[in-house]
Amino acid sequence: MIFGRDDRGSVTAEFAVALPAVVLVLALGAGVLGACGRAVRLQDATADAARLVARGEPAARAQALVAAAVGGARTRVTPRGELVCVEASAPATAPGGVPLPAPALRASSCALAGGK
C-alpha cells in the first residue's frame, strides 16, 4: 500500500491518541488486582482476629492484627450468642496507596466463643 503525502503522520497521531487509553486501562487493571489482594488480606486478618477473640484475647489485640494486615482498616468486634464476630472495612486502594473509585472493602468472620 502506498501512502500519499496527505497520510503523512497519521500513524503517529493515531498512536498518540491510543497510547493514553492503553496506559489508563493497564493502570486500572493493576489497581483492581491490588485491591483484590487487599480484600483477601482483609478477609484473612478478620478470620484470624475472630479466632483470637474467641480464644479469650482482648478485642484491642484483634483490632491491631487487622490494622497491621491492612492499613486504614476499621474493626468492630461483636458477640452474637455463642459466636464472636469481627467485621472490618478498609478503603479500596491500589498499590502505593492510590485511592480507587470503588466502594470500601468489607469483610466479616465469626468464631465459636471459648473454642480452641
PDB file of N, CA and C in Angstrom:
ATOM      1  N   MET A   1       0.844  -1.167   0.000  1.00  0.00           N
ATOM      2  CA  MET A   1       0.000   0.000   0.000  1.00  0.00           C
ATOM      3  C   MET A   1       0.887   1.227   0.000  1.00  0.00           C
ATOM      4  N   ILE A   2       0.573   2.133  -0.840  1.00  0.00           N
ATOM      5  CA  ILE A   2       1.366   3.353  -0.977  1.00  0.00           C
ATOM      6  C   ILE A   2       0.582   4.502  -0.359  1.00  0.00           C
ATOM      7  N   PHE A   3       1.255   5.216   0.524  1.00  0.00           N
ATOM      8  CA  PHE A   3       0.619   6.369   1.167  1.00  0.00           C
ATOM      9  C   PHE A   3       0.995   7.626   0.409  1.00  0.00           C
ATOM     10  N   GLY A   4       0.014   8.457   0.244  1.00  0.00           N
ATOM     11  CA  GLY A   4       0.275   9.733  -0.392  1.00  0.00           C
ATOM     12  C   GLY A   4       0.747  10.748   0.629  1.00  0.00           C
ATOM     13  N   ARG A   5       1.037  11.914   0.160  1.00  0.00           N
ATOM     14  CA  ARG A   5       1.510  12.958   1.059  1.00  0.00           C
ATOM     15  C   ARG A   5       0.442  13.358   2.086  1.00  0.00           C
ATOM     16  N   ASP A   6      -0.826  13.145   1.807  1.00  0.00           N
ATOM     17  CA  ASP A   6      -1.887  13.527   2.732  1.00  0.00           C
ATOM     18  C   ASP A   6      -1.916  12.639   3.969  1.00  0.00           C
ATOM     19  N   ASP A   7      -1.348  11.422   3.900  1.00  0.00           N
ATOM     20  CA  ASP A   7      -1.391  10.472   5.006  1.00  0.00           C
ATOM     21  C   ASP A   7      -0.167  10.552   5.911  1.00  0.00           C
ATOM     22  N   ARG A   8       0.747  11.430   5.646  1.00  0.00           N
ATOM     23  CA  ARG A   8       1.965  11.512   6.448  1.00  0.00           C
ATOM     24  C   ARG A   8       1.627  11.901   7.888  1.00  0.00           C
ATOM     25  N   GLY A   9       2.164  11.140   8.842  1.00  0.00           N
ATOM     26  CA  GLY A   9       1.974  11.447  10.249  1.00  0.00           C
ATOM     27  C   GLY A   9       0.688  10.914  10.842  1.00  0.00           C
ATOM     28  N   SER A  10      -0.154  10.272  10.037  1.00  0.00           N
ATOM     29  CA  SER A  10      -1.427   9.780  10.578  1.00  0.00           C
ATOM     30  C   SER A  10      -1.214   8.629  11.553  1.00  0.00           C
ATOM     31  N   VAL A  11      -0.231   7.787  11.315  1.00  0.00           N
ATOM     32  CA  VAL A  11       0.048   6.683  12.232  1.00  0.00           C
ATOM     33  C   VAL A  11       0.541   7.239  13.566  1.00  0.00           C
ATOM     34  N   THR A  12       1.379   8.225  13.512  1.00  0.00           N
ATOM     35  CA  THR A  12       1.883   8.838  14.734  1.00  0.00           C
ATOM     36  C   THR A  12       0.745   9.485  15.520  1.00  0.00           C
ATOM     37  N   ALA A  13      -0.150  10.132  14.838  1.00  0.00           N
ATOM     38  CA  ALA A  13      -1.280  10.776  15.515  1.00  0.00           C
ATOM     39  C   ALA A  13      -2.207   9.739  16.134  1.00  0.00           C
ATOM     40  N   GLU A  14      -2.473   8.657  15.424  1.00  0.00           N
ATOM     41  CA  GLU A  14      -3.327   7.603  15.970  1.00  0.00           C
ATOM     42  C   GLU A  14      -2.672   6.947  17.183  1.00  0.00           C
ATOM     43  N   PHE A  15      -1.368   6.750  17.113  1.00  0.00           N
ATOM     44  CA  PHE A  15      -0.636   6.165  18.232  1.00  0.00           C
ATOM     45  C   PHE A  15      -0.690   7.103  19.439  1.00  0.00           C
ATOM     46  N   ALA A  16      -0.542   8.390  19.193  1.00  0.00           N
ATOM     47  CA  ALA A  16      -0.571   9.370  20.286  1.00  0.00           C
ATOM     48  C   ALA A  16      -1.945   9.424  20.949  1.00  0.00           C
ATOM     49  N   VAL A  17      -2.994   9.133  20.213  1.00  0.00           N
ATOM     50  CA  VAL A  17      -4.340   9.129  20.777  1.00  0.00           C
ATOM     51  C   VAL A  17      -4.599   7.821  21.523  1.00  0.00           C
ATOM     52  N   ALA A  18      -4.124   6.708  20.995  1.00  0.00           N
ATOM     53  CA  ALA A  18      -4.409   5.390  21.576  1.00  0.00           C
ATOM     54  C   ALA A  18      -3.540   5.090  22.798  1.00  0.00           C
ATOM     55  N   LEU A  19      -2.327   5.584  22.847  1.00  0.00           N
ATOM     56  CA  LEU A  19      -1.414   5.249  23.939  1.00  0.00           C
ATOM     57  C   LEU A  19      -1.952   5.639  25.318  1.00  0.00           C
ATOM     58  N   PRO A  20      -2.474   6.829  25.540  1.00  0.00           N
ATOM     59  CA  PRO A  20      -3.011   7.143  26.872  1.00  0.00           C
ATOM     60  C   PRO A  20      -4.162   6.221  27.287  1.00  0.00           C
ATOM     61  N   ALA A  21      -4.994   5.827  26.332  1.00  0.00           N
ATOM     62  CA  ALA A  21      -6.096   4.920  26.661  1.00  0.00           C
ATOM     63  C   ALA A  21      -5.562   3.558  27.085  1.00  0.00           C
ATOM     64  N   VAL A  22      -4.551   3.060  26.406  1.00  0.00           N
ATOM     65  CA  VAL A  22      -3.954   1.772  26.763  1.00  0.00           C
ATOM     66  C   VAL A  22      -3.301   1.852  28.141  1.00  0.00           C
ATOM     67  N   VAL A  23      -2.592   2.922  28.408  1.00  0.00           N
ATOM     68  CA  VAL A  23      -1.939   3.102  29.710  1.00  0.00           C
ATOM     69  C   VAL A  23      -2.986   3.187  30.819  1.00  0.00           C
ATOM     70  N   LEU A  24      -4.089   3.888  30.570  1.00  0.00           N
ATOM     71  CA  LEU A  24      -5.157   4.010  31.567  1.00  0.00           C
ATOM     72  C   LEU A  24      -5.781   2.649  31.872  1.00  0.00           C
ATOM     73  N   VAL A  25      -6.041   1.851  30.851  1.00  0.00           N
ATOM     74  CA  VAL A  25      -6.622   0.520  31.054  1.00  0.00           C
ATOM     75  C   VAL A  25      -5.665  -0.366  31.838  1.00  0.00           C
ATOM     76  N   LEU A  26      -4.382  -0.331  31.517  1.00  0.00           N
ATOM     77  CA  LEU A  26      -3.396  -1.131  32.252  1.00  0.00           C
ATOM     78  C   LEU A  26      -3.282  -0.676  33.709  1.00  0.00           C
ATOM     79  N   ALA A  27      -3.305   0.629  33.940  1.00  0.00           N
ATOM     80  CA  ALA A  27      -3.208   1.143  35.310  1.00  0.00           C
ATOM     81  C   ALA A  27      -4.439   0.758  36.124  1.00  0.00           C
ATOM     82  N   LEU A  28      -5.622   0.854  35.538  1.00  0.00           N
ATOM     83  CA  LEU A  28      -6.834   0.453  36.255  1.00  0.00           C
ATOM     84  C   LEU A  28      -6.831  -1.050  36.539  1.00  0.00           C
ATOM     85  N   GLY A  29      -6.353  -1.835  35.575  1.00  0.00           N
ATOM     86  CA  GLY A  29      -6.256  -3.288  35.801  1.00  0.00           C
ATOM     87  C   GLY A  29      -5.320  -3.618  36.945  1.00  0.00           C
ATOM     88  N   ALA A  30      -4.175  -2.958  36.996  1.00  0.00           N
ATOM     89  CA  ALA A  30      -3.234  -3.192  38.097  1.00  0.00           C
ATOM     90  C   ALA A  30      -3.833  -2.733  39.426  1.00  0.00           C
ATOM     91  N   GLY A  31      -4.560  -1.632  39.408  1.00  0.00           N
ATOM     92  CA  GLY A  31      -5.205  -1.148  40.627  1.00  0.00           C
ATOM     93  C   GLY A  31      -6.268  -2.101  41.138  1.00  0.00           C
ATOM     94  N   VAL A  32      -7.046  -2.657  40.241  1.00  0.00           N
ATOM     95  CA  VAL A  32      -8.084  -3.606  40.645  1.00  0.00           C
ATOM     96  C   VAL A  32      -7.458  -4.876  41.214  1.00  0.00           C
ATOM     97  N   LEU A  33      -6.391  -5.361  40.596  1.00  0.00           N
ATOM     98  CA  LEU A  33      -5.704  -6.540  41.145  1.00  0.00           C
ATOM     99  C   LEU A  33      -5.138  -6.254  42.532  1.00  0.00           C
ATOM    100  N   GLY A  34      -4.595  -5.064  42.723  1.00  0.00           N
ATOM    101  CA  GLY A  34      -4.085  -4.696  44.039  1.00  0.00           C
ATOM    102  C   GLY A  34      -5.196  -4.623  45.075  1.00  0.00           C
ATOM    103  N   ALA A  35      -6.346  -4.078  44.688  1.00  0.00           N
ATOM    104  CA  ALA A  35      -7.486  -4.003  45.609  1.00  0.00           C
ATOM    105  C   ALA A  35      -8.009  -5.400  45.939  1.00  0.00           C
ATOM    106  N   CYS A  36      -7.990  -6.300  44.970  1.00  0.00           N
ATOM    107  CA  CYS A  36      -8.421  -7.685  45.239  1.00  0.00           C
ATOM    108  C   CYS A  36      -7.481  -8.352  46.247  1.00  0.00           C
ATOM    109  N   GLY A  37      -6.202  -8.139  46.105  1.00  0.00           N
ATOM    110  CA  GLY A  37      -5.243  -8.682  47.074  1.00  0.00           C
ATOM    111  C   GLY A  37      -5.462  -8.097  48.454  1.00  0.00           C
ATOM    112  N   ARG A  38      -5.793  -6.822  48.493  1.00  0.00           N
ATOM    113  CA  ARG A  38      -6.078  -6.154  49.776  1.00  0.00           C
ATOM    114  C   ARG A  38      -7.341  -6.740  50.409  1.00  0.00           C
ATOM    115  N   ALA A  39      -8.346  -7.065  49.597  1.00  0.00           N
ATOM    116  CA  ALA A  39      -9.581  -7.662  50.112  1.00  0.00           C
ATOM    117  C   ALA A  39      -9.308  -9.050  50.691  1.00  0.00           C
ATOM    118  N   VAL A  40      -8.446  -9.810  50.045  1.00  0.00           N
ATOM    119  CA  VAL A  40      -8.099 -11.142  50.557  1.00  0.00           C
ATOM    120  C   VAL A  40      -7.362 -11.020  51.889  1.00  0.00           C
ATOM    121  N   ARG A  41      -6.421 -10.076  51.978  1.00  0.00           N
ATOM    122  CA  ARG A  41      -5.709  -9.867  53.248  1.00  0.00           C
ATOM    123  C   ARG A  41      -6.665  -9.434  54.351  1.00  0.00           C
ATOM    124  N   LEU A  42      -7.648  -8.594  54.007  1.00  0.00           N
ATOM    125  CA  LEU A  42      -8.624  -8.143  54.994  1.00  0.00           C
ATOM    126  C   LEU A  42      -9.468  -9.317  55.494  1.00  0.00           C
ATOM    127  N   GLN A  43      -9.900 -10.188  54.589  1.00  0.00           N
ATOM    128  CA  GLN A  43     -10.704 -11.337  54.998  1.00  0.00           C
ATOM    129  C   GLN A  43      -9.890 -12.294  55.869  1.00  0.00           C
ATOM    130  N   ASP A  44      -8.653 -12.555  55.498  1.00  0.00           N
ATOM    131  CA  ASP A  44      -7.800 -13.446  56.302  1.00  0.00           C
ATOM    132  C   ASP A  44      -7.550 -12.860  57.688  1.00  0.00           C
ATOM    133  N   ALA A  45      -7.258 -11.570  57.741  1.00  0.00           N
ATOM    134  CA  ALA A  45      -6.996 -10.936  59.036  1.00  0.00           C
ATOM    135  C   ALA A  45      -8.254 -10.936  59.904  1.00  0.00           C
ATOM    136  N   THR A  46      -9.409 -10.759  59.297  1.00  0.00           N
ATOM    137  CA  THR A  46     -10.656 -10.776  60.046  1.00  0.00           C
ATOM    138  C   THR A  46     -10.919 -12.163  60.631  1.00  0.00           C
ATOM    139  N   ALA A  47     -10.651 -13.199  59.855  1.00  0.00           N
ATOM    140  CA  ALA A  47     -10.832 -14.570  60.355  1.00  0.00           C
ATOM    141  C   ALA A  47      -9.871 -14.853  61.512  1.00  0.00           C
ATOM    142  N   ASP A  48      -8.623 -14.430  61.367  1.00  0.00           N
ATOM    143  CA  ASP A  48      -7.649 -14.629  62.449  1.00  0.00           C
ATOM    144  C   ASP A  48      -8.066 -13.853  63.700  1.00  0.00           C
ATOM    145  N   ALA A  49      -8.560 -12.638  63.512  1.00  0.00           N
ATOM    146  CA  ALA A  49      -8.984 -11.811  64.643  1.00  0.00           C
ATOM    147  C   ALA A  49     -10.174 -12.446  65.363  1.00  0.00           C
ATOM    148  N   ALA A  50     -11.104 -13.010  64.621  1.00  0.00           N
ATOM    149  CA  ALA A  50     -12.258 -13.659  65.246  1.00  0.00           C
ATOM    150  C   ALA A  50     -11.813 -14.854  66.094  1.00  0.00           C
ATOM    151  N   ARG A  51     -10.869 -15.624  65.579  1.00  0.00           N
ATOM    152  CA  ARG A  51     -10.359 -16.761  66.359  1.00  0.00           C
ATOM    153  C   ARG A  51      -9.619 -16.291  67.605  1.00  0.00           C
ATOM    154  N   LEU A  52      -8.862 -15.190  67.506  1.00  0.00           N
ATOM    155  CA  LEU A  52      -8.161 -14.650  68.674  1.00  0.00           C
ATOM    156  C   LEU A  52      -9.140 -14.240  69.770  1.00  0.00           C
ATOM    157  N   VAL A  53     -10.163 -13.497  69.401  1.00  0.00           N
ATOM    158  CA  VAL A  53     -11.134 -13.027  70.390  1.00  0.00           C
ATOM    159  C   VAL A  53     -11.905 -14.212  70.970  1.00  0.00           C
ATOM    160  N   ALA A  54     -12.221 -15.199  70.151  1.00  0.00           N
ATOM    161  CA  ALA A  54     -12.944 -16.379  70.638  1.00  0.00           C
ATOM    162  C   ALA A  54     -12.116 -17.156  71.652  1.00  0.00           C
ATOM    163  N   ARG A  55     -10.789 -17.101  71.511  1.00  0.00           N
ATOM    164  CA  ARG A  55      -9.897 -17.769  72.475  1.00  0.00           C
ATOM    165  C   ARG A  55      -9.768 -17.005  73.775  1.00  0.00           C
ATOM    166  N   GLY A  56     -10.241 -15.777  73.821  1.00  0.00           N
ATOM    167  CA  GLY A  56     -10.158 -15.000  75.052  1.00  0.00           C
ATOM    168  C   GLY A  56      -9.192 -13.838  74.985  1.00  0.00           C
ATOM    169  N   GLU A  57      -8.585 -13.593  73.840  1.00  0.00           N
ATOM    170  CA  GLU A  57      -7.677 -12.441  73.703  1.00  0.00           C
ATOM    171  C   GLU A  57      -8.507 -11.157  73.710  1.00  0.00           C
ATOM    172  N   PRO A  58      -7.918 -10.042  74.117  1.00  0.00           N
ATOM    173  CA  PRO A  58      -8.671  -8.781  74.121  1.00  0.00           C
ATOM    174  C   PRO A  58      -8.997  -8.307  72.702  1.00  0.00           C
ATOM    175  N   ALA A  59     -10.108  -7.578  72.590  1.00  0.00           N
ATOM    176  CA  ALA A  59     -10.540  -7.082  71.286  1.00  0.00           C
ATOM    177  C   ALA A  59      -9.509  -6.118  70.692  1.00  0.00           C
ATOM    178  N   ALA A  60      -8.790  -5.403  71.545  1.00  0.00           N
ATOM    179  CA  ALA A  60      -7.780  -4.455  71.055  1.00  0.00           C
ATOM    180  C   ALA A  60      -6.680  -5.178  70.286  1.00  0.00           C
ATOM    181  N   ARG A  61      -6.334  -6.375  70.718  1.00  0.00           N
ATOM    182  CA  ARG A  61      -5.300  -7.138  70.008  1.00  0.00           C
ATOM    183  C   ARG A  61      -5.810  -7.564  68.633  1.00  0.00           C
ATOM    184  N   ALA A  62      -7.078  -7.950  68.561  1.00  0.00           N
ATOM    185  CA  ALA A  62      -7.661  -8.324  67.274  1.00  0.00           C
ATOM    186  C   ALA A  62      -7.706  -7.126  66.328  1.00  0.00           C
ATOM    187  N   GLN A  63      -8.054  -5.960  66.861  1.00  0.00           N
ATOM    188  CA  GLN A  63      -8.092  -4.762  66.037  1.00  0.00           C
ATOM    189  C   GLN A  63      -6.707  -4.390  65.541  1.00  0.00           C
ATOM    190  N   ALA A  64      -5.698  -4.576  66.389  1.00  0.00           N
ATOM    191  CA  ALA A  64      -4.321  -4.292  65.983  1.00  0.00           C
ATOM    192  C   ALA A  64      -3.863  -5.262  64.900  1.00  0.00           C
ATOM    193  N   LEU A  65      -4.292  -6.508  64.986  1.00  0.00           N
ATOM    194  CA  LEU A  65      -3.934  -7.505  63.974  1.00  0.00           C
ATOM    195  C   LEU A  65      -4.484  -7.119  62.612  1.00  0.00           C
ATOM    196  N   VAL A  66      -5.745  -6.725  62.581  1.00  0.00           N
ATOM    197  CA  VAL A  66      -6.358  -6.337  61.309  1.00  0.00           C
ATOM    198  C   VAL A  66      -5.717  -5.063  60.771  1.00  0.00           C
ATOM    199  N   ALA A  67      -5.451  -4.105  61.639  1.00  0.00           N
ATOM    200  CA  ALA A  67      -4.827  -2.849  61.208  1.00  0.00           C
ATOM    201  C   ALA A  67      -3.418  -3.083  60.672  1.00  0.00           C
ATOM    202  N   ALA A  68      -2.703  -4.047  61.250  1.00  0.00           N
ATOM    203  CA  ALA A  68      -1.354  -4.351  60.763  1.00  0.00           C
ATOM    204  C   ALA A  68      -1.403  -5.033  59.399  1.00  0.00           C
ATOM    205  N   ALA A  69      -2.417  -5.859  59.184  1.00  0.00           N
ATOM    206  CA  ALA A  69      -2.523  -6.573  57.910  1.00  0.00           C
ATOM    207  C   ALA A  69      -2.975  -5.664  56.779  1.00  0.00           C
ATOM    208  N   VAL A  70      -3.905  -4.758  57.080  1.00  0.00           N
ATOM    209  CA  VAL A  70      -4.457  -3.853  56.065  1.00  0.00           C
ATOM    210  C   VAL A  70      -4.496  -2.451  56.658  1.00  0.00           C
ATOM    211  N   GLY A  71      -3.643  -1.602  56.160  1.00  0.00           N
ATOM    212  CA  GLY A  71      -3.576  -0.237  56.661  1.00  0.00           C
ATOM    213  C   GLY A  71      -4.877   0.518  56.454  1.00  0.00           C
ATOM    214  N   GLY A  72      -5.288   1.257  57.438  1.00  0.00           N
ATOM    215  CA  GLY A  72      -6.505   2.049  57.348  1.00  0.00           C
ATOM    216  C   GLY A  72      -7.783   1.284  57.627  1.00  0.00           C
ATOM    217  N   ALA A  73      -7.652   0.040  58.077  1.00  0.00           N
ATOM    218  CA  ALA A  73      -8.846  -0.773  58.346  1.00  0.00           C
ATOM    219  C   ALA A  73      -9.472  -0.389  59.679  1.00  0.00           C
ATOM    220  N   ARG A  74     -10.785  -0.409  59.706  1.00  0.00           N
ATOM    221  CA  ARG A  74     -11.536  -0.198  60.944  1.00  0.00           C
ATOM    222  C   ARG A  74     -12.212  -1.513  61.300  1.00  0.00           C
ATOM    223  N   THR A  75     -12.162  -1.859  62.579  1.00  0.00           N
ATOM    224  CA  THR A  75     -12.644  -3.166  63.029  1.00  0.00           C
ATOM    225  C   THR A  75     -13.669  -3.000  64.131  1.00  0.00           C
ATOM    226  N   ARG A  76     -14.673  -3.885  64.120  1.00  0.00           N
ATOM    227  CA  ARG A  76     -15.681  -3.916  65.169  1.00  0.00           C
ATOM    228  C   ARG A  76     -15.867  -5.370  65.602  1.00  0.00           C
ATOM    229  N   VAL A  77     -15.795  -5.600  66.910  1.00  0.00           N
ATOM    230  CA  VAL A  77     -15.967  -6.937  67.480  1.00  0.00           C
ATOM    231  C   VAL A  77     -17.319  -6.967  68.184  1.00  0.00           C
ATOM    232  N   THR A  78     -18.150  -7.954  67.827  1.00  0.00           N
ATOM    233  CA  THR A  78     -19.478  -8.067  68.443  1.00  0.00           C
ATOM    234  C   THR A  78     -19.775  -9.517  68.798  1.00  0.00           C
ATOM    235  N   PRO A  79     -20.263  -9.758  70.018  1.00  0.00           N
ATOM    236  CA  PRO A  79     -20.703 -11.109  70.367  1.00  0.00           C
ATOM    237  C   PRO A  79     -22.111 -11.349  69.817  1.00  0.00           C
ATOM    238  N   ARG A  80     -22.345 -12.546  69.311  1.00  0.00           N
ATOM    239  CA  ARG A  80     -23.664 -12.940  68.799  1.00  0.00           C
ATOM    240  C   ARG A  80     -23.989 -14.326  69.331  1.00  0.00           C
ATOM    241  N   GLY A  81     -24.569 -14.344  70.509  1.00  0.00           N
ATOM    242  CA  GLY A  81     -24.877 -15.635  71.126  1.00  0.00           C
ATOM    243  C   GLY A  81     -23.588 -16.347  71.502  1.00  0.00           C
ATOM    244  N   GLU A  82     -23.389 -17.540  70.974  1.00  0.00           N
ATOM    245  CA  GLU A  82     -22.167 -18.302  71.257  1.00  0.00           C
ATOM    246  C   GLU A  82     -21.013 -17.918  70.340  1.00  0.00           C
ATOM    247  N   LEU A  83     -21.278 -17.041  69.394  1.00  0.00           N
ATOM    248  CA  LEU A  83     -20.254 -16.632  68.429  1.00  0.00           C
ATOM    249  C   LEU A  83     -19.667 -15.278  68.784  1.00  0.00           C
ATOM    250  N   VAL A  84     -18.434 -15.080  68.356  1.00  0.00           N
ATOM    251  CA  VAL A  84     -17.793 -13.769  68.398  1.00  0.00           C
ATOM    252  C   VAL A  84     -17.514 -13.402  66.953  1.00  0.00           C
ATOM    253  N   CYS A  85     -18.056 -12.269  66.521  1.00  0.00           N
ATOM    254  CA  CYS A  85     -17.906 -11.868  65.124  1.00  0.00           C
ATOM    255  C   CYS A  85     -17.040 -10.614  65.025  1.00  0.00           C
ATOM    256  N   VAL A  86     -16.224 -10.583  64.011  1.00  0.00           N
ATOM    257  CA  VAL A  86     -15.369  -9.436  63.734  1.00  0.00           C
ATOM    258  C   VAL A  86     -15.732  -8.939  62.345  1.00  0.00           C
ATOM    259  N   GLU A  87     -16.047  -7.660  62.266  1.00  0.00           N
ATOM    260  CA  GLU A  87     -16.345  -7.014  60.994  1.00  0.00           C
ATOM    261  C   GLU A  87     -15.296  -5.941  60.759  1.00  0.00           C
ATOM    262  N   ALA A  88     -14.791  -5.866  59.534  1.00  0.00           N
ATOM    263  CA  ALA A  88     -13.756  -4.883  59.212  1.00  0.00           C
ATOM    264  C   ALA A  88     -14.074  -4.234  57.875  1.00  0.00           C
ATOM    265  N   SER A  89     -13.633  -3.001  57.737  1.00  0.00           N
ATOM    266  CA  SER A  89     -13.757  -2.296  56.462  1.00  0.00           C
ATOM    267  C   SER A  89     -12.493  -1.474  56.246  1.00  0.00           C
ATOM    268  N   ALA A  90     -12.162  -1.303  54.979  1.00  0.00           N
ATOM    269  CA  ALA A  90     -10.974  -0.532  54.614  1.00  0.00           C
ATOM    270  C   ALA A  90     -11.231   0.125  53.270  1.00  0.00           C
ATOM    271  N   PRO A  91     -10.627   1.274  53.030  1.00  0.00           N
ATOM    272  CA  PRO A  91     -10.808   1.914  51.728  1.00  0.00           C
ATOM    273  C   PRO A  91     -10.141   1.092  50.620  1.00  0.00           C
ATOM    274  N   ALA A  92     -10.739   1.106  49.446  1.00  0.00           N
ATOM    275  CA  ALA A  92     -10.170   0.406  48.295  1.00  0.00           C
ATOM    276  C   ALA A  92      -9.051   1.266  47.724  1.00  0.00           C
ATOM    277  N   THR A  93      -7.836   0.761  47.819  1.00  0.00           N
ATOM    278  CA  THR A  93      -6.691   1.490  47.279  1.00  0.00           C
ATOM    279  C   THR A  93      -5.838   0.562  46.440  1.00  0.00           C
ATOM    280  N   ALA A  94      -5.179   1.150  45.473  1.00  0.00           N
ATOM    281  CA  ALA A  94      -4.237   0.415  44.636  1.00  0.00           C
ATOM    282  C   ALA A  94      -2.892   0.360  45.359  1.00  0.00           C
ATOM    283  N   PRO A  95      -1.971  -0.476  44.877  1.00  0.00           N
ATOM    284  CA  PRO A  95      -0.644  -0.484  45.477  1.00  0.00           C
ATOM    285  C   PRO A  95      -0.037   0.925  45.462  1.00  0.00           C
ATOM    286  N   GLY A  96       0.560   1.312  46.548  1.00  0.00           N
ATOM    287  CA  GLY A  96       1.111   2.648  46.674  1.00  0.00           C
ATOM    288  C   GLY A  96       0.153   3.610  47.354  1.00  0.00           C
ATOM    289  N   GLY A  97      -1.028   3.107  47.746  1.00  0.00           N
ATOM    290  CA  GLY A  97      -1.979   3.936  48.459  1.00  0.00           C
ATOM    291  C   GLY A  97      -2.831   4.835  47.584  1.00  0.00           C
ATOM    292  N   VAL A  98      -2.843   4.592  46.287  1.00  0.00           N
ATOM    293  CA  VAL A  98      -3.641   5.418  45.391  1.00  0.00           C
ATOM    294  C   VAL A  98      -5.110   5.017  45.540  1.00  0.00           C
ATOM    295  N   PRO A  99      -5.997   5.947  45.911  1.00  0.00           N
ATOM    296  CA  PRO A  99      -7.405   5.581  46.093  1.00  0.00           C
ATOM    297  C   PRO A  99      -8.060   5.209  44.767  1.00  0.00           C
ATOM    298  N   LEU A 100      -8.913   4.203  44.815  1.00  0.00           N
ATOM    299  CA  LEU A 100      -9.641   3.764  43.631  1.00  0.00           C
ATOM    300  C   LEU A 100     -11.087   4.226  43.715  1.00  0.00           C
ATOM    301  N   PRO A 101     -11.696   4.480  42.566  1.00  0.00           N
ATOM    302  CA  PRO A 101     -13.117   4.846  42.572  1.00  0.00           C
ATOM    303  C   PRO A 101     -13.975   3.595  42.750  1.00  0.00           C
ATOM    304  N   ALA A 102     -13.939   3.045  43.936  1.00  0.00           N
ATOM    305  CA  ALA A 102     -14.654   1.801  44.228  1.00  0.00           C
ATOM    306  C   ALA A 102     -15.186   1.879  45.656  1.00  0.00           C
ATOM    307  N   PRO A 103     -16.205   1.090  45.955  1.00  0.00           N
ATOM    308  CA  PRO A 103     -16.712   1.083  47.333  1.00  0.00           C
ATOM    309  C   PRO A 103     -15.675   0.512  48.296  1.00  0.00           C
ATOM    310  N   ALA A 104     -15.861   0.800  49.569  1.00  0.00           N
ATOM    311  CA  ALA A 104     -14.935   0.307  50.597  1.00  0.00           C
ATOM    312  C   ALA A 104     -14.963  -1.218  50.637  1.00  0.00           C
ATOM    313  N   LEU A 105     -13.828  -1.797  50.972  1.00  0.00           N
ATOM    314  CA  LEU A 105     -13.734  -3.246  51.117  1.00  0.00           C
ATOM    315  C   LEU A 105     -14.307  -3.627  52.470  1.00  0.00           C
ATOM    316  N   ARG A 106     -15.049  -4.714  52.520  1.00  0.00           N
ATOM    317  CA  ARG A 106     -15.654  -5.174  53.772  1.00  0.00           C
ATOM    318  C   ARG A 106     -15.418  -6.664  53.925  1.00  0.00           C
ATOM    319  N   ALA A 107     -15.218  -7.076  55.179  1.00  0.00           N
ATOM    320  CA  ALA A 107     -15.038  -8.492  55.488  1.00  0.00           C
ATOM    321  C   ALA A 107     -15.608  -8.761  56.869  1.00  0.00           C
ATOM    322  N   SER A 108     -16.111  -9.968  57.062  1.00  0.00           N
ATOM    323  CA  SER A 108     -16.593 -10.359  58.384  1.00  0.00           C
ATOM    324  C   SER A 108     -16.322 -11.839  58.592  1.00  0.00           C
ATOM    325  N   SER A 109     -16.133 -12.192  59.857  1.00  0.00           N
ATOM    326  CA  SER A 109     -15.872 -13.584  60.204  1.00  0.00           C
ATOM    327  C   SER A 109     -16.330 -13.815  61.632  1.00  0.00           C
ATOM    328  N   CYS A 110     -16.788 -15.028  61.910  1.00  0.00           N
ATOM    329  CA  CYS A 110     -17.257 -15.397  63.249  1.00  0.00           C
ATOM    330  C   CYS A 110     -16.555 -16.662  63.697  1.00  0.00           C
ATOM    331  N   ALA A 111     -16.387 -16.792  64.993  1.00  0.00           N
ATOM    332  CA  ALA A 111     -15.793 -17.992  65.582  1.00  0.00           C
ATOM    333  C   ALA A 111     -16.567 -18.344  66.838  1.00  0.00           C
ATOM    334  N   LEU A 112     -16.576 -19.591  67.167  1.00  0.00           N
ATOM    335  CA  LEU A 112     -17.269 -20.078  68.357  1.00  0.00           C
ATOM    336  C   LEU A 112     -16.511 -19.640  69.603  1.00  0.00           C
ATOM    337  N   ALA A 113     -17.166 -18.909  70.485  1.00  0.00           N
ATOM    338  CA  ALA A 113     -16.521 -18.393  71.693  1.00  0.00           C
ATOM    339  C   ALA A 113     -16.085 -19.538  72.591  1.00  0.00           C
ATOM    340  N   GLY A 114     -14.893 -19.425  73.146  1.00  0.00           N
ATOM    341  CA  GLY A 114     -14.356 -20.445  74.028  1.00  0.00           C
ATOM    342  C   GLY A 114     -13.768 -21.626  73.293  1.00  0.00           C
ATOM    343  N   GLY A 115     -13.760 -21.578  71.951  1.00  0.00           N
ATOM    344  CA  GLY A 115     -13.185 -22.681  71.167  1.00  0.00           C
ATOM    345  C   GLY A 115     -11.679 -22.639  71.168  1.00  0.00           C
ATOM    346  N   LYS A 116     -11.074 -23.788  70.914  1.00  0.00           N
ATOM    347  CA  LYS A 116      -9.607 -23.858  70.889  1.00  0.00           C
ATOM    348  C   LYS A 116      -9.131 -24.366  69.575  1.00  0.00           C
TER     349      LYS A 116
END
